[in-house]
Amino acid sequence: MTDKKHAIISILQQNARISDTELGEVLGITAEEAAEEIRKLEEEGIIKGYSVIIDEELYDKSLVYATIELKVTPQRDCGFDDIAKTIMMYDEVESVTLMSGSYDLAVEVKGTNLKDIALFVSERLATMDGVLSTATHFILKKYKEKGIFIDKEEPDERGLG
């Protein structure tokens, strides 16, 4: 991947709403060239979509998030892919990630309360063929997400070294 593509992706990760004109100015290219580069990244499947990072505390205090660790038995000819694809289809699931270490899949879910998530784990995930064990970790507070500080205050850098 070219340096220009890396620069575009880095800028869009910080501000996906930047205009083609502003992006072009930062990169030293025209707005049309910037738009074309973004179109190519989307067409190539490098850019999958755009999202909004929100402060859940301000937006909806009733939502509950959790990370669920799953130990699973890999399936012949497909490894972990089939079980991951099945899990991805549930509305509660925000993301599914294959991990190295003591568990195989990390599943991030959201629900309207702790019981919703507990029922999702016990009735849907734990009962799936191939799932050996689960461990649920409720998210209490997010401080930073995708490089964006969630708290209003910037961190105090005086203690950093």
Protein backbone atom coordinates (compact mmCIF):
# COMPACT_ATOMS: atom_id res chain seq x y z
CA MET A 1 0.00 0.00 0.00
CA THR A 2 1.29 3.43 -0.89
CA ASP A 3 2.13 6.14 1.62
CA LYS A 4 -0.77 8.21 0.22
CA LYS A 5 -3.24 5.41 1.00
CA HIS A 6 -1.82 5.06 4.51
CA ALA A 7 -2.14 8.81 5.03
CA ILE A 8 -5.76 8.84 3.78
CA ILE A 9 -6.72 5.95 6.03
CA SER A 10 -5.04 7.55 9.04
CA ILE A 11 -6.87 10.84 8.45
CA LEU A 12 -10.25 9.12 7.89
CA GLN A 13 -9.83 7.07 11.06
CA GLN A 14 -9.58 10.32 13.03
CA ASN A 15 -12.29 12.17 11.07
CA ALA A 16 -14.36 10.25 8.53
CA ARG A 17 -16.39 13.39 7.85
CA ILE A 18 -13.47 15.37 6.46
CA SER A 19 -14.34 16.90 3.11
CA ASP A 20 -12.54 15.91 -0.06
CA THR A 21 -11.27 19.50 -0.28
CA GLU A 22 -9.81 19.43 3.25
CA LEU A 23 -8.31 15.99 2.68
CA GLY A 24 -6.75 17.16 -0.56
CA GLU A 25 -5.25 20.22 1.16
CA VAL A 26 -3.67 18.04 3.87
CA LEU A 27 -2.23 15.64 1.28
CA GLY A 28 -1.26 18.24 -1.33
CA ILE A 29 -3.65 16.88 -3.97
CA THR A 30 -6.90 18.11 -5.49
CA ALA A 31 -10.31 17.37 -4.00
CA GLU A 32 -11.09 15.22 -7.04
CA GLU A 33 -7.92 13.16 -6.53
CA ALA A 34 -8.78 12.71 -2.85
CA ALA A 35 -12.31 11.54 -3.74
CA GLU A 36 -10.89 9.12 -6.31
CA GLU A 37 -8.40 7.67 -3.81
CA ILE A 38 -11.21 7.08 -1.29
CA ARG A 39 -13.37 5.49 -3.99
CA LYS A 40 -10.51 3.11 -4.87
CA LEU A 41 -10.01 2.15 -1.20
CA GLU A 42 -13.73 1.40 -0.91
CA GLU A 43 -13.79 -0.53 -4.19
CA GLU A 44 -10.77 -2.62 -3.14
CA GLY A 45 -12.55 -3.49 0.11
CA ILE A 46 -9.91 -1.83 2.27
CA ILE A 47 -12.47 0.65 3.63
CA LYS A 48 -15.43 -1.43 4.82
CA GLY A 49 -17.57 1.40 6.17
CA TYR A 50 -17.72 4.43 8.39
CA SER A 51 -18.89 4.66 11.98
CA VAL A 52 -19.53 7.10 14.77
CA ILE A 53 -17.76 6.89 18.12
CA ILE A 54 -20.15 7.96 20.85
CA ASP A 55 -19.97 8.53 24.58
CA GLU A 56 -22.37 5.84 25.80
CA GLU A 57 -22.76 7.58 29.18
CA LEU A 58 -24.22 10.63 27.46
CA TYR A 59 -26.09 8.78 24.71
CA ASP A 60 -27.91 5.90 26.44
CA LYS A 61 -27.12 4.93 30.01
CA SER A 62 -29.32 1.82 29.75
CA LEU A 63 -27.06 -0.02 27.30
CA VAL A 64 -24.70 -2.65 28.69
CA TYR A 65 -21.62 -3.91 26.86
CA ALA A 66 -19.58 -7.04 27.50
CA THR A 67 -16.68 -8.95 26.05
CA ILE A 68 -17.17 -12.69 26.05
CA GLU A 69 -14.20 -15.00 25.73
CA LEU A 70 -14.97 -18.31 24.04
CA LYS A 71 -12.94 -21.48 23.96
CA VAL A 72 -14.08 -23.49 20.97
CA THR A 73 -13.19 -26.66 19.13
CA PRO A 74 -11.99 -25.81 15.61
CA GLN A 75 -13.97 -27.59 12.89
CA ARG A 76 -12.38 -29.72 10.20
CA ASP A 77 -11.68 -27.80 6.95
CA CYS A 78 -12.86 -24.42 8.30
CA GLY A 79 -11.16 -23.95 11.67
CA PHE A 80 -12.97 -21.25 13.61
CA ASP A 81 -14.64 -19.55 10.64
CA ASP A 82 -18.02 -21.31 10.69
CA ILE A 83 -18.68 -20.75 14.38
CA ALA A 84 -17.52 -17.12 14.08
CA LYS A 85 -19.87 -16.56 11.12
CA THR A 86 -22.78 -18.07 13.08
CA ILE A 87 -22.07 -15.84 16.09
CA MET A 88 -21.78 -12.73 13.86
CA MET A 89 -25.39 -13.11 12.76
CA TYR A 90 -26.88 -12.32 16.19
CA ASP A 91 -28.13 -8.73 16.57
CA GLU A 92 -26.53 -8.42 20.03
CA VAL A 93 -23.06 -9.03 18.59
CA GLU A 94 -20.96 -5.94 17.83
CA SER A 95 -17.75 -7.75 16.84
CA VAL A 96 -16.12 -11.18 16.71
CA THR A 97 -12.34 -11.56 16.77
CA LEU A 98 -10.06 -14.62 16.53
CA MET A 99 -7.48 -14.42 19.32
CA SER A 100 -4.26 -16.09 20.33
CA GLY A 101 -3.72 -17.10 23.93
CA SER A 102 -5.95 -18.79 26.47
CA TYR A 103 -9.20 -18.39 24.51
CA ASP A 104 -10.08 -18.52 20.81
CA LEU A 105 -12.78 -15.94 20.08
CA ALA A 106 -13.55 -12.56 21.64
CA VAL A 107 -17.18 -11.57 21.16
CA GLU A 108 -18.30 -8.03 21.96
CA VAL A 109 -22.03 -7.73 22.65
CA LYS A 110 -24.52 -5.13 23.78
CA GLY A 111 -27.81 -5.47 25.61
CA THR A 112 -30.32 -3.42 27.53
CA ASN A 113 -29.33 -4.95 30.88
CA LEU A 114 -27.04 -7.51 32.52
CA LYS A 115 -29.71 -10.21 32.35
CA ASP A 116 -30.06 -9.84 28.55
CA ILE A 117 -26.37 -10.50 28.12
CA ALA A 118 -26.36 -13.35 30.63
CA LEU A 119 -29.26 -15.01 28.78
CA PHE A 120 -27.55 -14.48 25.43
CA VAL A 121 -24.44 -16.23 26.74
CA SER A 122 -26.25 -19.10 28.48
CA GLU A 123 -28.93 -19.76 25.86
CA ARG A 124 -27.20 -18.95 22.60
CA LEU A 125 -23.41 -19.03 22.89
CA ALA A 126 -22.77 -21.68 25.53
CA THR A 127 -25.15 -24.14 23.85
CA MET A 128 -23.51 -23.95 20.41
CA ASP A 129 -21.78 -27.06 19.11
CA GLY A 130 -18.05 -26.63 19.52
CA VAL A 131 -18.18 -24.09 22.36
CA LEU A 132 -16.17 -25.50 25.26
CA SER A 133 -16.39 -22.58 27.70
CA THR A 134 -17.24 -18.91 28.05
CA ALA A 135 -16.05 -16.06 30.28
CA THR A 136 -18.04 -12.83 30.33
CA HIS A 137 -16.48 -9.48 31.20
CA PHE A 138 -18.84 -6.52 31.55
CA ILE A 139 -17.49 -3.21 30.30
CA LEU A 140 -17.79 -0.63 33.07
CA LYS A 141 -16.37 2.42 31.32
CA LYS A 142 -14.62 3.26 28.06
CA TYR A 143 -11.78 5.75 28.21
CA LYS A 144 -10.57 5.60 24.62
CA GLU A 145 -11.94 3.98 21.50
CA LYS A 146 -10.32 3.77 18.06
CA GLY A 147 -7.81 6.42 19.09
CA ILE A 148 -10.48 8.85 20.30
CA PHE A 149 -10.63 9.96 23.95
CA ILE A 150 -14.14 9.36 25.32
CA ASP A 151 -13.75 11.48 28.46
CA LYS A 152 -14.06 15.22 27.91
CA GLU A 153 -10.69 15.93 29.49
CA GLU A 154 -7.45 15.17 27.68
CA PRO A 155 -5.04 13.04 29.73
CA ASP A 156 -2.45 14.82 31.84
CA GLU A 157 0.86 14.15 30.06
CA ARG A 158 3.05 15.41 32.93
CA GLY A 159 3.22 11.93 34.40
CA LEU A 160 4.29 10.36 31.12
CA GLY A 161 7.89 10.13 31.39
